Amino acid sequence: MARDINDIQRDIERTRRQLASTLDELATRTKPKNLVDDAKREATAKVRDPQVQKVLAGVGVAVVGIIAFAVLRNRKRSNELKEIKQLLAGRA
């Protein structure tokens, strides 16, 4: 069964409109501002997740612990070096 030329033209026009609409949507989605806004929205949603908050808190505690350990170790070494210098100064 052959299609009527008018039906074919209507199909072509409908397809053109759909394609134009799709291209407009893609152009809107790929604007840098929109990409940044989407990323912010997703990051905010993830940070509000209680499970993610627990992980972030754990990481924060670990980082603070490592820094505190490094500072205390550095102070201990510094004090040991001072004691060694004092002992060496007393020998001379």
C-alpha atoms as a PDB file:
ATOM      1  CA  MET A   1       0.000   0.000   0.000  1.00  0.00           C
ATOM      2  CA  ALA A   2       1.527   3.271  -1.140  1.00  0.00           C
ATOM      3  CA  ARG A   3       1.611   6.209   1.221  1.00  0.00           C
ATOM      4  CA  ASP A   4       0.102   9.500   0.260  1.00  0.00           C
ATOM      5  CA  ILE A   5       2.636  12.293  -0.443  1.00  0.00           C
ATOM      6  CA  ASN A   6       0.856  14.499   2.108  1.00  0.00           C
ATOM      7  CA  ASP A   7       1.325  11.841   4.806  1.00  0.00           C
ATOM      8  CA  ILE A   8       5.014  11.607   3.960  1.00  0.00           C
ATOM      9  CA  GLN A   9       5.421  15.378   4.112  1.00  0.00           C
ATOM     10  CA  ARG A  10       3.630  15.522   7.483  1.00  0.00           C
ATOM     11  CA  ASP A  11       5.935  12.793   8.794  1.00  0.00           C
ATOM     12  CA  ILE A  12       8.960  14.696   7.553  1.00  0.00           C
ATOM     13  CA  GLU A  13       7.775  17.927   9.197  1.00  0.00           C
ATOM     14  CA  ARG A  14       6.992  16.142  12.473  1.00  0.00           C
ATOM     15  CA  THR A  15      10.431  14.528  12.422  1.00  0.00           C
ATOM     16  CA  ARG A  16      12.074  17.915  11.737  1.00  0.00           C
ATOM     17  CA  ARG A  17      10.225  19.480  14.685  1.00  0.00           C
ATOM     18  CA  GLN A  18      11.231  16.612  16.961  1.00  0.00           C
ATOM     19  CA  LEU A  19      14.842  16.892  15.835  1.00  0.00           C
ATOM     20  CA  ALA A  20      14.847  20.662  16.369  1.00  0.00           C
ATOM     21  CA  SER A  21      13.364  20.189  19.815  1.00  0.00           C
ATOM     22  CA  THR A  22      15.978  17.561  20.660  1.00  0.00           C
ATOM     23  CA  LEU A  23      18.798  19.813  19.458  1.00  0.00           C
ATOM     24  CA  ASP A  24      17.451  22.725  21.506  1.00  0.00           C
ATOM     25  CA  GLU A  25      17.303  20.504  24.589  1.00  0.00           C
ATOM     26  CA  LEU A  26      20.873  19.312  24.016  1.00  0.00           C
ATOM     27  CA  ALA A  27      22.076  22.876  23.560  1.00  0.00           C
ATOM     28  CA  THR A  28      20.387  23.893  26.808  1.00  0.00           C
ATOM     29  CA  ARG A  29      21.783  20.942  28.754  1.00  0.00           C
ATOM     30  CA  THR A  30      25.342  21.467  27.554  1.00  0.00           C
ATOM     31  CA  LYS A  31      25.630  25.150  28.433  1.00  0.00           C
ATOM     32  CA  PRO A  32      28.472  25.488  30.960  1.00  0.00           C
ATOM     33  CA  LYS A  33      26.269  27.280  33.486  1.00  0.00           C
ATOM     34  CA  ASN A  34      23.690  24.511  33.318  1.00  0.00           C
ATOM     35  CA  LEU A  35      26.373  21.838  33.670  1.00  0.00           C
ATOM     36  CA  VAL A  36      27.736  23.599  36.756  1.00  0.00           C
ATOM     37  CA  ASP A  37      24.255  23.971  38.222  1.00  0.00           C
ATOM     38  CA  ASP A  38      23.557  20.273  37.652  1.00  0.00           C
ATOM     39  CA  ALA A  39      26.863  19.289  39.263  1.00  0.00           C
ATOM     40  CA  LYS A  40      26.140  21.508  42.282  1.00  0.00           C
ATOM     41  CA  ARG A  41      22.685  20.030  42.649  1.00  0.00           C
ATOM     42  CA  GLU A  42      24.026  16.467  42.494  1.00  0.00           C
ATOM     43  CA  ALA A  43      26.861  17.198  44.940  1.00  0.00           C
ATOM     44  CA  THR A  44      24.463  18.823  47.390  1.00  0.00           C
ATOM     45  CA  ALA A  45      22.125  15.842  47.178  1.00  0.00           C
ATOM     46  CA  LYS A  46      25.004  13.435  47.824  1.00  0.00           C
ATOM     47  CA  VAL A  47      26.329  15.427  50.787  1.00  0.00           C
ATOM     48  CA  ARG A  48      22.871  15.392  52.366  1.00  0.00           C
ATOM     49  CA  ASP A  49      22.831  11.589  52.257  1.00  0.00           C
ATOM     50  CA  PRO A  50      23.392  10.333  55.838  1.00  0.00           C
ATOM     51  CA  GLN A  51      25.622   7.498  54.646  1.00  0.00           C
ATOM     52  CA  VAL A  52      27.887   9.952  52.797  1.00  0.00           C
ATOM     53  CA  GLN A  53      27.947  12.231  55.848  1.00  0.00           C
ATOM     54  CA  LYS A  54      29.184   9.327  57.989  1.00  0.00           C
ATOM     55  CA  VAL A  55      31.949   8.553  55.506  1.00  0.00           C
ATOM     56  CA  LEU A  56      32.989  12.214  55.300  1.00  0.00           C
ATOM     57  CA  ALA A  57      33.026  12.470  59.101  1.00  0.00           C
ATOM     58  CA  GLY A  58      35.206   9.368  59.275  1.00  0.00           C
ATOM     59  CA  VAL A  59      37.616  10.768  56.726  1.00  0.00           C
ATOM     60  CA  GLY A  60      37.729  14.067  58.616  1.00  0.00           C
ATOM     61  CA  VAL A  61      38.515  12.306  61.902  1.00  0.00           C
ATOM     62  CA  ALA A  62      41.224  10.252  60.205  1.00  0.00           C
ATOM     63  CA  VAL A  63      42.833  13.350  58.672  1.00  0.00           C
ATOM     64  CA  VAL A  64      42.782  15.209  61.994  1.00  0.00           C
ATOM     65  CA  GLY A  65      44.269  12.140  63.700  1.00  0.00           C
ATOM     66  CA  ILE A  66      47.081  11.856  61.174  1.00  0.00           C
ATOM     67  CA  ILE A  67      47.883  15.554  61.482  1.00  0.00           C
ATOM     68  CA  ALA A  68      47.863  15.369  65.285  1.00  0.00           C
ATOM     69  CA  PHE A  69      50.128  12.319  65.201  1.00  0.00           C
ATOM     70  CA  ALA A  70      52.552  14.053  62.838  1.00  0.00           C
ATOM     71  CA  VAL A  71      52.655  17.199  65.003  1.00  0.00           C
ATOM     72  CA  LEU A  72      53.237  15.232  68.203  1.00  0.00           C
ATOM     73  CA  ARG A  73      55.958  13.116  66.567  1.00  0.00           C
ATOM     74  CA  ASN A  74      57.639  16.264  65.260  1.00  0.00           C
ATOM     75  CA  ARG A  75      57.571  17.849  68.721  1.00  0.00           C
ATOM     76  CA  LYS A  76      59.022  14.707  70.278  1.00  0.00           C
ATOM     77  CA  ARG A  77      61.852  14.662  67.746  1.00  0.00           C
ATOM     78  CA  SER A  78      62.455  18.347  68.301  1.00  0.00           C
ATOM     79  CA  ASN A  79      62.681  17.810  72.071  1.00  0.00           C
ATOM     80  CA  GLU A  80      65.027  14.859  71.572  1.00  0.00           C
ATOM     81  CA  LEU A  81      67.273  16.964  69.343  1.00  0.00           C
ATOM     82  CA  LYS A  82      67.378  19.698  71.987  1.00  0.00           C
ATOM     83  CA  GLU A  83      68.386  17.152  74.635  1.00  0.00           C
ATOM     84  CA  ILE A  84      71.128  15.766  72.384  1.00  0.00           C
ATOM     85  CA  LYS A  85      72.414  19.277  71.696  1.00  0.00           C
ATOM     86  CA  GLN A  86      72.457  20.025  75.429  1.00  0.00           C
ATOM     87  CA  LEU A  87      74.355  16.795  76.145  1.00  0.00           C
ATOM     88  CA  LEU A  88      76.863  17.513  73.392  1.00  0.00           C
ATOM     89  CA  ALA A  89      77.266  21.094  74.586  1.00  0.00           C
ATOM     90  CA  GLY A  90      77.992  19.808  78.105  1.00  0.00           C
ATOM     91  CA  ARG A  91      80.751  17.488  76.820  1.00  0.00           C
ATOM     92  CA  ALA A  92      82.588  20.175  74.974  1.00  0.00           C
END
